[in-house]
């Protein structure tokens, strides 16, 4: 069953109608990864601030072991 492309995917395809070098593709991947990482960081910061967590609780969590033994 074919899946339709969303608007973002269509725009990216329009931008890159011509062949790109491997170096350009790597650069584009890096830019997209940086963009998405920035969005995730902003959302995490917003959630962190919304819960009223302080930096000290974050530092404490970094030292804790959260895995459960099955």
PDB file of N, CA and C in Angstrom:
ATOM      1  N   UNK A   1       0.847  -1.176   0.000  1.00  0.00           N
ATOM      2  CA  UNK A   1       0.000   0.000   0.000  1.00  0.00           C
ATOM      3  C   UNK A   1       0.891   1.239   0.000  1.00  0.00           C
ATOM      4  N   UNK A   2       0.795   2.098  -1.018  1.00  0.00           N
ATOM      5  CA  UNK A   2       1.641   3.292  -1.080  1.00  0.00           C
ATOM      6  C   UNK A   2       1.274   4.295   0.012  1.00  0.00           C
ATOM      7  N   UNK A   3       2.296   4.973   0.504  1.00  0.00           N
ATOM      8  CA  UNK A   3       2.109   5.978   1.538  1.00  0.00           C
ATOM      9  C   UNK A   3       2.389   7.349   0.921  1.00  0.00           C
ATOM     10  N   UNK A   4       1.478   8.288   1.101  1.00  0.00           N
ATOM     11  CA  UNK A   4       1.663   9.639   0.562  1.00  0.00           C
ATOM     12  C   UNK A   4       2.722  10.379   1.370  1.00  0.00           C
ATOM     13  N   UNK A   5       3.464  11.220   0.679  1.00  0.00           N
ATOM     14  CA  UNK A   5       4.462  12.041   1.357  1.00  0.00           C
ATOM     15  C   UNK A   5       3.783  13.228   2.016  1.00  0.00           C
ATOM     16  N   UNK A   6       4.324  13.648   3.164  1.00  0.00           N
ATOM     17  CA  UNK A   6       3.767  14.815   3.826  1.00  0.00           C
ATOM     18  C   UNK A   6       4.379  16.089   3.216  1.00  0.00           C
ATOM     19  N   UNK A   7       3.881  17.249   3.613  1.00  0.00           N
ATOM     20  CA  UNK A   7       4.332  18.518   3.028  1.00  0.00           C
ATOM     21  C   UNK A   7       5.820  18.760   3.219  1.00  0.00           C
ATOM     22  N   UNK A   8       6.352  18.406   4.368  1.00  0.00           N
ATOM     23  CA  UNK A   8       7.784  18.588   4.631  1.00  0.00           C
ATOM     24  C   UNK A   8       8.614  17.746   3.672  1.00  0.00           C
ATOM     25  N   UNK A   9       8.230  16.505   3.499  1.00  0.00           N
ATOM     26  CA  UNK A   9       8.961  15.625   2.597  1.00  0.00           C
ATOM     27  C   UNK A   9       8.917  16.138   1.159  1.00  0.00           C
ATOM     28  N   UNK A  10       7.751  16.623   0.718  1.00  0.00           N
ATOM     29  CA  UNK A  10       7.630  17.164  -0.632  1.00  0.00           C
ATOM     30  C   UNK A  10       8.519  18.388  -0.829  1.00  0.00           C
ATOM     31  N   UNK A  11       8.556  19.268   0.157  1.00  0.00           N
ATOM     32  CA  UNK A  11       9.399  20.466   0.053  1.00  0.00           C
ATOM     33  C   UNK A  11      10.873  20.104  -0.036  1.00  0.00           C
ATOM     34  N   UNK A  12      11.293  19.126   0.753  1.00  0.00           N
ATOM     35  CA  UNK A  12      12.696  18.692   0.714  1.00  0.00           C
ATOM     36  C   UNK A  12      13.026  18.111  -0.658  1.00  0.00           C
ATOM     37  N   UNK A  13      12.127  17.335  -1.211  1.00  0.00           N
ATOM     38  CA  UNK A  13      12.352  16.782  -2.548  1.00  0.00           C
ATOM     39  C   UNK A  13      12.467  17.883  -3.598  1.00  0.00           C
ATOM     40  N   UNK A  14      11.648  18.910  -3.492  1.00  0.00           N
ATOM     41  CA  UNK A  14      11.724  20.028  -4.439  1.00  0.00           C
ATOM     42  C   UNK A  14      13.068  20.743  -4.342  1.00  0.00           C
ATOM     43  N   UNK A  15      13.568  20.895  -3.122  1.00  0.00           N
ATOM     44  CA  UNK A  15      14.839  21.601  -2.919  1.00  0.00           C
ATOM     45  C   UNK A  15      16.017  20.846  -3.522  1.00  0.00           C
ATOM     46  N   UNK A  16      15.919  19.539  -3.581  1.00  0.00           N
ATOM     47  CA  UNK A  16      17.059  18.729  -3.999  1.00  0.00           C
ATOM     48  C   UNK A  16      16.769  17.932  -5.266  1.00  0.00           C
ATOM     49  N   UNK A  17      16.238  18.614  -6.257  1.00  0.00           N
ATOM     50  CA  UNK A  17      15.957  17.964  -7.542  1.00  0.00           C
ATOM     51  C   UNK A  17      17.236  17.519  -8.231  1.00  0.00           C
ATOM     52  N   UNK A  18      18.311  18.270  -8.047  1.00  0.00           N
ATOM     53  CA  UNK A  18      19.596  17.933  -8.664  1.00  0.00           C
ATOM     54  C   UNK A  18      20.391  17.023  -7.739  1.00  0.00           C
ATOM     55  N   UNK A  19      21.288  16.248  -8.338  1.00  0.00           N
ATOM     56  CA  UNK A  19      22.137  15.365  -7.539  1.00  0.00           C
ATOM     57  C   UNK A  19      23.025  16.161  -6.593  1.00  0.00           C
ATOM     58  N   UNK A  20      23.245  15.596  -5.416  1.00  0.00           N
ATOM     59  CA  UNK A  20      24.116  16.195  -4.407  1.00  0.00           C
ATOM     60  C   UNK A  20      25.334  15.302  -4.244  1.00  0.00           C
ATOM     61  N   UNK A  21      26.459  15.919  -3.923  1.00  0.00           N
ATOM     62  CA  UNK A  21      27.651  15.118  -3.649  1.00  0.00           C
ATOM     63  C   UNK A  21      27.481  14.441  -2.294  1.00  0.00           C
ATOM     64  N   UNK A  22      28.309  13.434  -2.044  1.00  0.00           N
ATOM     65  CA  UNK A  22      28.249  12.736  -0.750  1.00  0.00           C
ATOM     66  C   UNK A  22      28.532  13.715   0.387  1.00  0.00           C
ATOM     67  N   UNK A  23      29.461  14.625   0.170  1.00  0.00           N
ATOM     68  CA  UNK A  23      29.790  15.633   1.189  1.00  0.00           C
ATOM     69  C   UNK A  23      28.583  16.530   1.475  1.00  0.00           C
ATOM     70  N   UNK A  24      27.868  16.933   0.427  1.00  0.00           N
ATOM     71  CA  UNK A  24      26.678  17.765   0.613  1.00  0.00           C
ATOM     72  C   UNK A  24      25.578  16.991   1.338  1.00  0.00           C
ATOM     73  N   UNK A  25      25.424  15.722   1.019  1.00  0.00           N
ATOM     74  CA  UNK A  25      24.430  14.907   1.709  1.00  0.00           C
ATOM     75  C   UNK A  25      24.741  14.786   3.200  1.00  0.00           C
ATOM     76  N   UNK A  26      26.009  14.598   3.532  1.00  0.00           N
ATOM     77  CA  UNK A  26      26.414  14.525   4.938  1.00  0.00           C
ATOM     78  C   UNK A  26      26.132  15.837   5.654  1.00  0.00           C
ATOM     79  N   UNK A  27      26.392  16.944   4.955  1.00  0.00           N
ATOM     80  CA  UNK A  27      26.140  18.265   5.539  1.00  0.00           C
ATOM     81  C   UNK A  27      24.646  18.463   5.782  1.00  0.00           C
ATOM     82  N   UNK A  28      23.824  18.054   4.834  1.00  0.00           N
ATOM     83  CA  UNK A  28      22.366  18.166   4.975  1.00  0.00           C
ATOM     84  C   UNK A  28      21.886  17.300   6.136  1.00  0.00           C
ATOM     85  N   UNK A  29      22.397  16.075   6.235  1.00  0.00           N
ATOM     86  CA  UNK A  29      22.032  15.200   7.360  1.00  0.00           C
ATOM     87  C   UNK A  29      22.386  15.846   8.689  1.00  0.00           C
ATOM     88  N   UNK A  30      23.577  16.417   8.757  1.00  0.00           N
ATOM     89  CA  UNK A  30      24.016  17.075   9.994  1.00  0.00           C
ATOM     90  C   UNK A  30      23.106  18.239  10.359  1.00  0.00           C
ATOM     91  N   UNK A  31      22.712  19.009   9.362  1.00  0.00           N
ATOM     92  CA  UNK A  31      21.813  20.144   9.616  1.00  0.00           C
ATOM     93  C   UNK A  31      20.452  19.667  10.116  1.00  0.00           C
ATOM     94  N   UNK A  32      19.922  18.624   9.496  1.00  0.00           N
ATOM     95  CA  UNK A  32      18.630  18.092   9.932  1.00  0.00           C
ATOM     96  C   UNK A  32      18.708  17.514  11.340  1.00  0.00           C
ATOM     97  N   UNK A  33      19.779  16.806  11.632  1.00  0.00           N
ATOM     98  CA  UNK A  33      19.954  16.237  12.970  1.00  0.00           C
ATOM     99  C   UNK A  33      20.066  17.343  14.012  1.00  0.00           C
ATOM    100  N   UNK A  34      20.837  18.395  13.703  1.00  0.00           N
ATOM    101  CA  UNK A  34      20.976  19.523  14.635  1.00  0.00           C
ATOM    102  C   UNK A  34      19.632  20.208  14.860  1.00  0.00           C
ATOM    103  N   UNK A  35      18.861  20.378  13.799  1.00  0.00           N
ATOM    104  CA  UNK A  35      17.538  20.999  13.899  1.00  0.00           C
ATOM    105  C   UNK A  35      16.614  20.173  14.804  1.00  0.00           C
ATOM    106  N   UNK A  36      16.567  18.867  14.562  1.00  0.00           N
ATOM    107  CA  UNK A  36      15.700  18.005  15.361  1.00  0.00           C
ATOM    108  C   UNK A  36      16.179  17.908  16.812  1.00  0.00           C
ATOM    109  N   UNK A  37      17.477  17.859  17.020  1.00  0.00           N
ATOM    110  CA  UNK A  37      18.018  17.819  18.382  1.00  0.00           C
ATOM    111  C   UNK A  37      17.652  19.095  19.136  1.00  0.00           C
ATOM    112  N   UNK A  38      17.700  20.227  18.451  1.00  0.00           N
ATOM    113  CA  UNK A  38      17.337  21.500  19.073  1.00  0.00           C
ATOM    114  C   UNK A  38      15.862  21.497  19.481  1.00  0.00           C
ATOM    115  N   UNK A  39      14.997  20.958  18.623  1.00  0.00           N
ATOM    116  CA  UNK A  39      13.573  20.881  18.955  1.00  0.00           C
ATOM    117  C   UNK A  39      13.340  20.000  20.176  1.00  0.00           C
ATOM    118  N   UNK A  40      14.012  18.860  20.240  1.00  0.00           N
ATOM    119  CA  UNK A  40      13.858  17.945  21.376  1.00  0.00           C
ATOM    120  C   UNK A  40      14.345  18.622  22.655  1.00  0.00           C
ATOM    121  N   UNK A  41      15.472  19.303  22.574  1.00  0.00           N
ATOM    122  CA  UNK A  41      16.022  19.987  23.744  1.00  0.00           C
ATOM    123  C   UNK A  41      15.062  21.058  24.253  1.00  0.00           C
ATOM    124  N   UNK A  42      14.487  21.829  23.334  1.00  0.00           N
ATOM    125  CA  UNK A  42      13.538  22.881  23.737  1.00  0.00           C
ATOM    126  C   UNK A  42      12.302  22.289  24.391  1.00  0.00           C
ATOM    127  N   UNK A  43      11.794  21.187  23.845  1.00  0.00           N
ATOM    128  CA  UNK A  43      10.623  20.532  24.439  1.00  0.00           C
ATOM    129  C   UNK A  43      10.952  19.966  25.821  1.00  0.00           C
ATOM    130  N   UNK A  44      12.134  19.379  25.956  1.00  0.00           N
ATOM    131  CA  UNK A  44      12.546  18.843  27.257  1.00  0.00           C
ATOM    132  C   UNK A  44      12.704  19.959  28.271  1.00  0.00           C
ATOM    133  N   UNK A  45      13.301  21.078  27.851  1.00  0.00           N
ATOM    134  CA  UNK A  45      13.449  22.227  28.751  1.00  0.00           C
ATOM    135  C   UNK A  45      12.096  22.761  29.184  1.00  0.00           C
ATOM    136  N   UNK A  46      11.149  22.818  28.237  1.00  0.00           N
ATOM    137  CA  UNK A  46       9.812  23.319  28.560  1.00  0.00           C
ATOM    138  C   UNK A  46       9.132  22.392  29.565  1.00  0.00           C
ATOM    139  N   UNK A  47       9.243  21.091  29.361  1.00  0.00           N
ATOM    140  CA  UNK A  47       8.644  20.130  30.291  1.00  0.00           C
ATOM    141  C   UNK A  47       9.327  20.204  31.653  1.00  0.00           C
ATOM    142  N   UNK A  48      10.642  20.326  31.654  1.00  0.00           N
ATOM    143  CA  UNK A  48      11.426  20.425  32.881  1.00  0.00           C
ATOM    144  C   UNK A  48      10.997  21.650  33.682  1.00  0.00           C
ATOM    145  N   UNK A  49      10.894  22.794  32.988  1.00  0.00           N
ATOM    146  CA  UNK A  49      10.481  24.033  33.652  1.00  0.00           C
ATOM    147  C   UNK A  49       9.028  23.958  34.104  1.00  0.00           C
ATOM    148  N   UNK A  50       8.181  23.318  33.310  1.00  0.00           N
ATOM    149  CA  UNK A  50       6.766  23.194  33.663  1.00  0.00           C
ATOM    150  C   UNK A  50       6.544  22.387  34.922  1.00  0.00           C
ATOM    151  N   UNK A  51       7.422  21.437  35.181  1.00  0.00           N
ATOM    152  CA  UNK A  51       7.323  20.622  36.399  1.00  0.00           C
ATOM    153  C   UNK A  51       7.978  21.310  37.593  1.00  0.00           C
ATOM    154  N   UNK A  52       8.690  22.402  37.343  1.00  0.00           N
ATOM    155  CA  UNK A  52       9.346  23.121  38.435  1.00  0.00           C
ATOM    156  C   UNK A  52      10.602  22.448  38.945  1.00  0.00           C
ATOM    157  N   UNK A  53      11.206  21.584  38.135  1.00  0.00           N
ATOM    158  CA  UNK A  53      12.430  20.912  38.544  1.00  0.00           C
ATOM    159  C   UNK A  53      13.605  21.893  38.559  1.00  0.00           C
ATOM    160  N   UNK A  54      14.483  21.712  39.513  1.00  0.00           N
ATOM    161  CA  UNK A  54      15.682  22.544  39.587  1.00  0.00           C
ATOM    162  C   UNK A  54      16.861  21.788  38.991  1.00  0.00           C
ATOM    163  N   UNK A  55      17.945  22.483  38.787  1.00  0.00           N
ATOM    164  CA  UNK A  55      19.149  21.851  38.260  1.00  0.00           C
ATOM    165  C   UNK A  55      19.669  20.792  39.231  1.00  0.00           C
ATOM    166  N   UNK A  56      19.455  21.016  40.529  1.00  0.00           N
ATOM    167  CA  UNK A  56      19.960  20.058  41.513  1.00  0.00           C
ATOM    168  C   UNK A  56      19.273  18.691  41.383  1.00  0.00           C
ATOM    169  N   UNK A  57      17.976  18.677  41.061  1.00  0.00           N
ATOM    170  CA  UNK A  57      17.292  17.389  40.888  1.00  0.00           C
ATOM    171  C   UNK A  57      17.824  16.680  39.644  1.00  0.00           C
ATOM    172  N   UNK A  58      18.127  17.438  38.603  1.00  0.00           N
ATOM    173  CA  UNK A  58      18.689  16.852  37.391  1.00  0.00           C
ATOM    174  C   UNK A  58      20.055  16.236  37.683  1.00  0.00           C
ATOM    175  N   UNK A  59      20.865  16.943  38.446  1.00  0.00           N
ATOM    176  CA  UNK A  59      22.193  16.422  38.809  1.00  0.00           C
ATOM    177  C   UNK A  59      22.061  15.140  39.637  1.00  0.00           C
ATOM    178  N   UNK A  60      21.056  15.107  40.514  1.00  0.00           N
ATOM    179  CA  UNK A  60      20.813  13.913  41.325  1.00  0.00           C
ATOM    180  C   UNK A  60      20.407  12.741  40.436  1.00  0.00           C
ATOM    181  N   UNK A  61      19.528  12.989  39.465  1.00  0.00           N
ATOM    182  CA  UNK A  61      19.073  11.935  38.562  1.00  0.00           C
ATOM    183  C   UNK A  61      20.225  11.349  37.750  1.00  0.00           C
ATOM    184  N   UNK A  62      21.175  12.169  37.400  1.00  0.00           N
ATOM    185  CA  UNK A  62      22.309  11.687  36.606  1.00  0.00           C
ATOM    186  C   UNK A  62      23.101  10.610  37.345  1.00  0.00           C
ATOM    187  N   UNK A  63      23.028  10.625  38.671  1.00  0.00           N
ATOM    188  CA  UNK A  63      23.790   9.674  39.477  1.00  0.00           C
ATOM    189  C   UNK A  63      22.975   8.443  39.878  1.00  0.00           C
ATOM    190  N   UNK A  64      21.661   8.481  39.651  1.00  0.00           N
ATOM    191  CA  UNK A  64      20.793   7.380  40.055  1.00  0.00           C
ATOM    192  C   UNK A  64      20.754   6.275  39.016  1.00  0.00           C
ATOM    193  N   UNK A  65      20.378   5.101  39.472  1.00  0.00           N
ATOM    194  CA  UNK A  65      20.238   3.933  38.618  1.00  0.00           C
ATOM    195  C   UNK A  65      18.747   3.654  38.482  1.00  0.00           C
ATOM    196  N   UNK A  66      18.198   3.797  37.265  1.00  0.00           N
ATOM    197  CA  UNK A  66      16.766   3.675  37.061  1.00  0.00           C
ATOM    198  C   UNK A  66      16.325   2.330  36.495  1.00  0.00           C
ATOM    199  N   UNK A  67      17.238   1.492  36.084  1.00  0.00           N
ATOM    200  CA  UNK A  67      16.848   0.206  35.499  1.00  0.00           C
ATOM    201  C   UNK A  67      16.241  -0.696  36.567  1.00  0.00           C
ATOM    202  N   UNK A  68      15.247  -1.425  36.142  1.00  0.00           N
ATOM    203  CA  UNK A  68      14.605  -2.375  37.046  1.00  0.00           C
ATOM    204  C   UNK A  68      15.139  -3.756  36.762  1.00  0.00           C
ATOM    205  N   UNK A  69      15.291  -4.550  37.788  1.00  0.00           N
ATOM    206  CA  UNK A  69      15.725  -5.931  37.626  1.00  0.00           C
ATOM    207  C   UNK A  69      14.486  -6.780  37.371  1.00  0.00           C
ATOM    208  N   UNK A  70      14.512  -7.554  36.303  1.00  0.00           N
ATOM    209  CA  UNK A  70      13.353  -8.378  35.935  1.00  0.00           C
ATOM    210  C   UNK A  70      13.291  -9.642  36.738  1.00  0.00           C
TER     211      UNK A  70
END
